[in-house]
PDB file of all heavy atoms in Angstrom:
ATOM      1  N   PRO A   1       0.806  -1.228  -0.029  1.00  0.00           N
ATOM      2  CA  PRO A   1       0.000   0.011  -0.004  1.00  0.00           C
ATOM      3  C   PRO A   1       0.858   1.280   0.005  1.00  0.00           C
ATOM      4  O   PRO A   1       1.933   1.304   0.594  1.00  0.00           O
ATOM      5  CB  PRO A   1      -0.814  -0.109   1.297  1.00  0.00           C
ATOM      6  CG  PRO A   1      -0.769  -1.544   1.687  1.00  0.00           C
ATOM      7  CD  PRO A   1       0.546  -2.056   1.177  1.00  0.00           C
ATOM      8  N   LEU A   2       0.365   2.296  -0.676  1.00  0.00           N
ATOM      9  CA  LEU A   2       0.986   3.614  -0.650  1.00  0.00           C
ATOM     10  C   LEU A   2       0.415   4.406   0.507  1.00  0.00           C
ATOM     11  O   LEU A   2      -0.769   4.255   0.888  1.00  0.00           O
ATOM     12  CB  LEU A   2       0.705   4.316  -1.963  1.00  0.00           C
ATOM     13  CG  LEU A   2       1.208   3.670  -3.235  1.00  0.00           C
ATOM     14  CD1 LEU A   2       0.784   4.498  -4.458  1.00  0.00           C
ATOM     15  CD2 LEU A   2       2.734   3.552  -3.224  1.00  0.00           C
ATOM     16  N   GLU A   3       1.180   5.302   1.037  1.00  0.00           N
ATOM     17  CA  GLU A   3       0.724   6.210   2.109  1.00  0.00           C
ATOM     18  C   GLU A   3      -0.069   7.344   1.470  1.00  0.00           C
ATOM     19  O   GLU A   3       0.401   7.993   0.531  1.00  0.00           O
ATOM     20  CB  GLU A   3       1.885   6.758   2.908  1.00  0.00           C
ATOM     21  CG  GLU A   3       1.468   7.591   4.088  1.00  0.00           C
ATOM     22  CD  GLU A   3       2.637   8.105   4.904  1.00  0.00           C
ATOM     23  OE1 GLU A   3       3.623   7.327   5.046  1.00  0.00           O
ATOM     24  OE2 GLU A   3       2.529   9.200   5.457  1.00  0.00           O
ATOM     25  N   LEU A   4      -1.287   7.568   1.935  1.00  0.00           N
ATOM     26  CA  LEU A   4      -2.148   8.584   1.357  1.00  0.00           C
ATOM     27  C   LEU A   4      -2.388   9.694   2.393  1.00  0.00           C
ATOM     28  O   LEU A   4      -3.144   9.547   3.328  1.00  0.00           O
ATOM     29  CB  LEU A   4      -3.495   8.006   0.915  1.00  0.00           C
ATOM     30  CG  LEU A   4      -4.496   8.963   0.339  1.00  0.00           C
ATOM     31  CD1 LEU A   4      -3.915   9.545  -1.000  1.00  0.00           C
ATOM     32  CD2 LEU A   4      -5.816   8.214   0.018  1.00  0.00           C
ATOM     33  N   PRO A   5      -1.704  10.833   2.225  1.00  0.00           N
ATOM     34  CA  PRO A   5      -1.902  11.954   3.145  1.00  0.00           C
ATOM     35  C   PRO A   5      -3.254  12.659   2.755  1.00  0.00           C
ATOM     36  O   PRO A   5      -3.522  12.970   1.669  1.00  0.00           O
ATOM     37  CB  PRO A   5      -0.758  12.867   2.858  1.00  0.00           C
ATOM     38  CG  PRO A   5      -0.304  12.520   1.462  1.00  0.00           C
ATOM     39  CD  PRO A   5      -0.698  11.127   1.198  1.00  0.00           C
ATOM     40  N   VAL A   6      -4.089  12.819   3.764  1.00  0.00           N
ATOM     41  CA  VAL A   6      -5.444  13.351   3.536  1.00  0.00           C
ATOM     42  C   VAL A   6      -5.494  14.885   3.501  1.00  0.00           C
ATOM     43  O   VAL A   6      -6.208  15.438   2.637  1.00  0.00           O
ATOM     44  CB  VAL A   6      -6.405  12.823   4.649  1.00  0.00           C
ATOM     45  CG1 VAL A   6      -7.785  13.347   4.454  1.00  0.00           C
ATOM     46  CG2 VAL A   6      -6.449  11.256   4.566  1.00  0.00           C
ATOM     47  N   PHE A   7      -4.788  15.586   4.401  1.00  0.00           N
ATOM     48  CA  PHE A   7      -4.892  17.017   4.421  1.00  0.00           C
ATOM     49  C   PHE A   7      -4.676  17.704   3.078  1.00  0.00           C
ATOM     50  O   PHE A   7      -5.442  18.612   2.691  1.00  0.00           O
ATOM     51  CB  PHE A   7      -3.984  17.627   5.526  1.00  0.00           C
ATOM     52  CG  PHE A   7      -4.193  19.071   5.683  1.00  0.00           C
ATOM     53  CD1 PHE A   7      -5.336  19.580   6.276  1.00  0.00           C
ATOM     54  CD2 PHE A   7      -3.281  19.995   5.189  1.00  0.00           C
ATOM     55  CE1 PHE A   7      -5.561  20.943   6.461  1.00  0.00           C
ATOM     56  CE2 PHE A   7      -3.444  21.341   5.324  1.00  0.00           C
ATOM     57  CZ  PHE A   7      -4.621  21.817   5.958  1.00  0.00           C
ATOM     58  N   PRO A   8      -3.617  17.355   2.327  1.00  0.00           N
ATOM     59  CA  PRO A   8      -3.420  18.005   1.043  1.00  0.00           C
ATOM     60  C   PRO A   8      -4.572  17.754   0.040  1.00  0.00           C
ATOM     61  O   PRO A   8      -4.839  18.566  -0.849  1.00  0.00           O
ATOM     62  CB  PRO A   8      -2.126  17.444   0.476  1.00  0.00           C
ATOM     63  CG  PRO A   8      -1.435  16.783   1.620  1.00  0.00           C
ATOM     64  CD  PRO A   8      -2.512  16.410   2.610  1.00  0.00           C
ATOM     65  N   LEU A   9      -5.306  16.677   0.211  1.00  0.00           N
ATOM     66  CA  LEU A   9      -6.421  16.379  -0.655  1.00  0.00           C
ATOM     67  C   LEU A   9      -7.520  17.308  -0.273  1.00  0.00           C
ATOM     68  O   LEU A   9      -8.237  17.892  -1.092  1.00  0.00           O
ATOM     69  CB  LEU A   9      -6.919  14.932  -0.518  1.00  0.00           C
ATOM     70  CG  LEU A   9      -5.895  13.867  -0.934  1.00  0.00           C
ATOM     71  CD1 LEU A   9      -6.418  12.445  -0.644  1.00  0.00           C
ATOM     72  CD2 LEU A   9      -5.562  14.012  -2.431  1.00  0.00           C
ATOM     73  N   ILE A  10      -7.833  17.425   1.038  1.00  0.00           N
ATOM     74  CA  ILE A  10      -8.911  18.233   1.550  1.00  0.00           C
ATOM     75  C   ILE A  10      -8.706  19.718   1.220  1.00  0.00           C
ATOM     76  O   ILE A  10      -9.591  20.415   0.766  1.00  0.00           O
ATOM     77  CB  ILE A  10      -9.071  18.024   3.097  1.00  0.00           C
ATOM     78  CG1 ILE A  10      -9.557  16.620   3.369  1.00  0.00           C
ATOM     79  CG2 ILE A  10     -10.069  19.031   3.644  1.00  0.00           C
ATOM     80  CD1 ILE A  10      -9.451  16.244   4.834  1.00  0.00           C
ATOM     81  N   SER A  11      -7.475  20.176   1.511  1.00  0.00           N
ATOM     82  CA  SER A  11      -7.244  21.635   1.338  1.00  0.00           C
ATOM     83  C   SER A  11      -7.258  22.092  -0.103  1.00  0.00           C
ATOM     84  O   SER A  11      -7.464  23.251  -0.345  1.00  0.00           O
ATOM     85  CB  SER A  11      -5.882  22.015   2.005  1.00  0.00           C
ATOM     86  OG  SER A  11      -4.856  21.382   1.308  1.00  0.00           O
ATOM     87  N   GLY A  12      -7.071  21.206  -1.021  1.00  0.00           N
ATOM     88  CA  GLY A  12      -7.094  21.636  -2.445  1.00  0.00           C
ATOM     89  C   GLY A  12      -8.138  20.997  -3.264  1.00  0.00           C
ATOM     90  O   GLY A  12      -8.169  21.085  -4.485  1.00  0.00           O
ATOM     91  N   ARG A  13      -9.063  20.299  -2.600  1.00  0.00           N
ATOM     92  CA  ARG A  13     -10.163  19.568  -3.249  1.00  0.00           C
ATOM     93  C   ARG A  13      -9.577  18.697  -4.394  1.00  0.00           C
ATOM     94  O   ARG A  13     -10.012  18.726  -5.506  1.00  0.00           O
ATOM     95  CB  ARG A  13     -11.178  20.509  -3.793  1.00  0.00           C
ATOM     96  CG  ARG A  13     -12.562  20.193  -3.364  1.00  0.00           C
ATOM     97  CD  ARG A  13     -13.612  20.982  -3.975  1.00  0.00           C
ATOM     98  NE  ARG A  13     -14.632  21.121  -2.965  1.00  0.00           N
ATOM     99  CZ  ARG A  13     -15.676  21.894  -3.045  1.00  0.00           C
ATOM    100  NH1 ARG A  13     -15.841  22.617  -4.108  1.00  0.00           N
ATOM    101  NH2 ARG A  13     -16.511  21.951  -2.060  1.00  0.00           N
ATOM    102  N   LYS A  14      -8.470  17.972  -4.024  1.00  0.00           N
ATOM    103  CA  LYS A  14      -7.790  17.161  -4.991  1.00  0.00           C
ATOM    104  C   LYS A  14      -8.269  15.737  -4.850  1.00  0.00           C
ATOM    105  O   LYS A  14      -8.853  15.345  -3.850  1.00  0.00           O
ATOM    106  CB  LYS A  14      -6.285  17.240  -4.745  1.00  0.00           C
ATOM    107  CG  LYS A  14      -5.774  18.700  -4.948  1.00  0.00           C
ATOM    108  CD  LYS A  14      -4.296  18.778  -4.551  1.00  0.00           C
ATOM    109  CE  LYS A  14      -3.836  20.201  -4.640  1.00  0.00           C
ATOM    110  NZ  LYS A  14      -2.379  20.350  -4.322  1.00  0.00           N
ATOM    111  N   MET A  15      -8.058  14.936  -5.926  1.00  0.00           N
ATOM    112  CA  MET A  15      -8.529  13.611  -5.935  1.00  0.00           C
ATOM    113  C   MET A  15      -7.429  12.630  -6.340  1.00  0.00           C
ATOM    114  O   MET A  15      -6.494  12.987  -7.039  1.00  0.00           O
ATOM    115  CB  MET A  15      -9.650  13.384  -6.966  1.00  0.00           C
ATOM    116  CG  MET A  15     -10.899  14.155  -6.643  1.00  0.00           C
ATOM    117  SD  MET A  15     -12.229  13.837  -7.850  1.00  0.00           S
ATOM    118  CE  MET A  15     -11.615  14.744  -9.248  1.00  0.00           C
ATOM    119  N   VAL A  16      -7.509  11.431  -5.740  1.00  0.00           N
ATOM    120  CA  VAL A  16      -6.645  10.336  -6.122  1.00  0.00           C
ATOM    121  C   VAL A  16      -7.582   9.252  -6.662  1.00  0.00           C
ATOM    122  O   VAL A  16      -8.559   8.911  -5.995  1.00  0.00           O
ATOM    123  CB  VAL A  16      -5.831   9.761  -4.952  1.00  0.00           C
ATOM    124  CG1 VAL A  16      -4.993   8.560  -5.349  1.00  0.00           C
ATOM    125  CG2 VAL A  16      -4.918  10.870  -4.369  1.00  0.00           C
ATOM    126  N   ALA A  17      -7.300   8.760  -7.835  1.00  0.00           N
ATOM    127  CA  ALA A  17      -8.119   7.774  -8.482  1.00  0.00           C
ATOM    128  C   ALA A  17      -7.265   6.654  -9.055  1.00  0.00           C
ATOM    129  O   ALA A  17      -6.068   6.801  -9.164  1.00  0.00           O
ATOM    130  CB  ALA A  17      -8.964   8.435  -9.591  1.00  0.00           C
ATOM    131  N   GLY A  18      -7.938   5.614  -9.481  1.00  0.00           N
ATOM    132  CA  GLY A  18      -7.258   4.515 -10.162  1.00  0.00           C
ATOM    133  C   GLY A  18      -7.935   4.329 -11.503  1.00  0.00           C
ATOM    134  O   GLY A  18      -9.075   4.680 -11.713  1.00  0.00           O
ATOM    135  N   SER A  19      -7.240   3.618 -12.415  1.00  0.00           N
ATOM    136  CA  SER A  19      -7.822   3.326 -13.678  1.00  0.00           C
ATOM    137  C   SER A  19      -7.229   2.049 -14.266  1.00  0.00           C
ATOM    138  O   SER A  19      -6.038   1.845 -14.143  1.00  0.00           O
ATOM    139  CB  SER A  19      -7.594   4.497 -14.661  1.00  0.00           C
ATOM    140  OG  SER A  19      -8.187   4.303 -15.932  1.00  0.00           O
ATOM    141  N   GLY A  20      -8.034   1.228 -14.822  1.00  0.00           N
ATOM    142  CA  GLY A  20      -7.579   0.046 -15.518  1.00  0.00           C
ATOM    143  C   GLY A  20      -7.620   0.277 -16.998  1.00  0.00           C
ATOM    144  O   GLY A  20      -7.263   1.287 -17.488  1.00  0.00           O
ATOM    145  N   ILE A  21      -8.146  -0.689 -17.708  1.00  0.00           N
ATOM    146  CA  ILE A  21      -8.222  -0.542 -19.193  1.00  0.00           C
ATOM    147  C   ILE A  21      -9.694  -0.296 -19.566  1.00  0.00           C
ATOM    148  O   ILE A  21     -10.627  -0.423 -18.796  1.00  0.00           O
ATOM    149  CB  ILE A  21      -7.668  -1.795 -19.887  1.00  0.00           C
ATOM    150  CG1 ILE A  21      -8.478  -3.020 -19.500  1.00  0.00           C
ATOM    151  CG2 ILE A  21      -6.204  -1.941 -19.579  1.00  0.00           C
ATOM    152  CD1 ILE A  21      -8.068  -4.248 -20.338  1.00  0.00           C
ATOM    153  N   GLY A  22      -9.883   0.110 -20.838  1.00  0.00           N
ATOM    154  CA  GLY A  22     -11.251   0.378 -21.365  1.00  0.00           C
ATOM    155  C   GLY A  22     -11.829  -0.835 -22.092  1.00  0.00           C
ATOM    156  O   GLY A  22     -11.195  -1.846 -22.195  1.00  0.00           O
ATOM    157  N   GLY A  23     -13.012  -0.568 -22.628  1.00  0.00           N
ATOM    158  CA  GLY A  23     -13.717  -1.623 -23.370  1.00  0.00           C
ATOM    159  C   GLY A  23     -13.332  -1.640 -24.860  1.00  0.00           C
ATOM    160  O   GLY A  23     -12.452  -0.869 -25.259  1.00  0.00           O
ATOM    161  N   MET A  24     -14.112  -2.336 -25.606  1.00  0.00           N
ATOM    162  CA  MET A  24     -13.798  -2.526 -27.081  1.00  0.00           C
ATOM    163  C   MET A  24     -13.946  -1.177 -27.825  1.00  0.00           C
ATOM    164  O   MET A  24     -13.156  -0.895 -28.638  1.00  0.00           O
ATOM    165  CB  MET A  24     -14.706  -3.594 -27.664  1.00  0.00           C
ATOM    166  CG  MET A  24     -14.405  -4.951 -27.171  1.00  0.00           C
ATOM    167  SD  MET A  24     -12.698  -5.516 -27.555  1.00  0.00           S
ATOM    168  CE  MET A  24     -12.811  -5.710 -29.338  1.00  0.00           C
ATOM    169  N   LYS A  25     -14.996  -0.471 -27.522  1.00  0.00           N
ATOM    170  CA  LYS A  25     -15.258   0.784 -28.236  1.00  0.00           C
ATOM    171  C   LYS A  25     -14.104   1.755 -27.998  1.00  0.00           C
ATOM    172  O   LYS A  25     -13.567   2.401 -28.925  1.00  0.00           O
ATOM    173  CB  LYS A  25     -16.594   1.399 -27.795  1.00  0.00           C
ATOM    174  CG  LYS A  25     -16.940   2.676 -28.446  1.00  0.00           C
ATOM    175  CD  LYS A  25     -18.252   3.233 -28.001  1.00  0.00           C
ATOM    176  CE  LYS A  25     -18.564   4.589 -28.673  1.00  0.00           C
ATOM    177  NZ  LYS A  25     -19.674   5.264 -28.116  1.00  0.00           N
ATOM    178  N   GLU A  26     -13.693   1.920 -26.710  1.00  0.00           N
ATOM    179  CA  GLU A  26     -12.638   2.843 -26.405  1.00  0.00           C
ATOM    180  C   GLU A  26     -11.262   2.363 -26.951  1.00  0.00           C
ATOM    181  O   GLU A  26     -10.447   3.143 -27.409  1.00  0.00           O
ATOM    182  CB  GLU A  26     -12.524   3.039 -24.869  1.00  0.00           C
ATOM    183  CG  GLU A  26     -11.615   4.173 -24.466  1.00  0.00           C
ATOM    184  CD  GLU A  26     -11.612   4.430 -23.008  1.00  0.00           C
ATOM    185  OE1 GLU A  26     -11.829   3.490 -22.184  1.00  0.00           O
ATOM    186  OE2 GLU A  26     -11.378   5.602 -22.648  1.00  0.00           O
ATOM    187  N   THR A  27     -11.095   1.053 -26.967  1.00  0.00           N
ATOM    188  CA  THR A  27      -9.874   0.494 -27.539  1.00  0.00           C
ATOM    189  C   THR A  27      -9.778   0.814 -29.058  1.00  0.00           C
ATOM    190  O   THR A  27      -8.684   1.202 -29.519  1.00  0.00           O
ATOM    191  CB  THR A  27      -9.782  -1.062 -27.372  1.00  0.00           C
ATOM    192  OG1 THR A  27      -9.852  -1.292 -25.975  1.00  0.00           O
ATOM    193  CG2 THR A  27      -8.566  -1.647 -27.943  1.00  0.00           C
ATOM    194  N   GLN A  28     -10.876   0.692 -29.777  1.00  0.00           N
ATOM    195  CA  GLN A  28     -10.880   1.048 -31.190  1.00  0.00           C
ATOM    196  C   GLN A  28     -10.630   2.563 -31.365  1.00  0.00           C
ATOM    197  O   GLN A  28      -9.873   2.923 -32.260  1.00  0.00           O
ATOM    198  CB  GLN A  28     -12.190   0.650 -31.836  1.00  0.00           C
ATOM    199  CG  GLN A  28     -12.190   0.849 -33.356  1.00  0.00           C
ATOM    200  CD  GLN A  28     -11.125  -0.005 -34.039  1.00  0.00           C
ATOM    201  OE1 GLN A  28     -11.118  -1.206 -33.904  1.00  0.00           O
ATOM    202  NE2 GLN A  28     -10.202   0.625 -34.763  1.00  0.00           N
TER     203      GLN A  28
END
């Protein structure tokens, strides 16, 4: 696991997200 500091997210309304791969339409 990565360490996720919360205060910098709150103070700047920032987000941490994840992403995998897309479907067939997006791949094309």
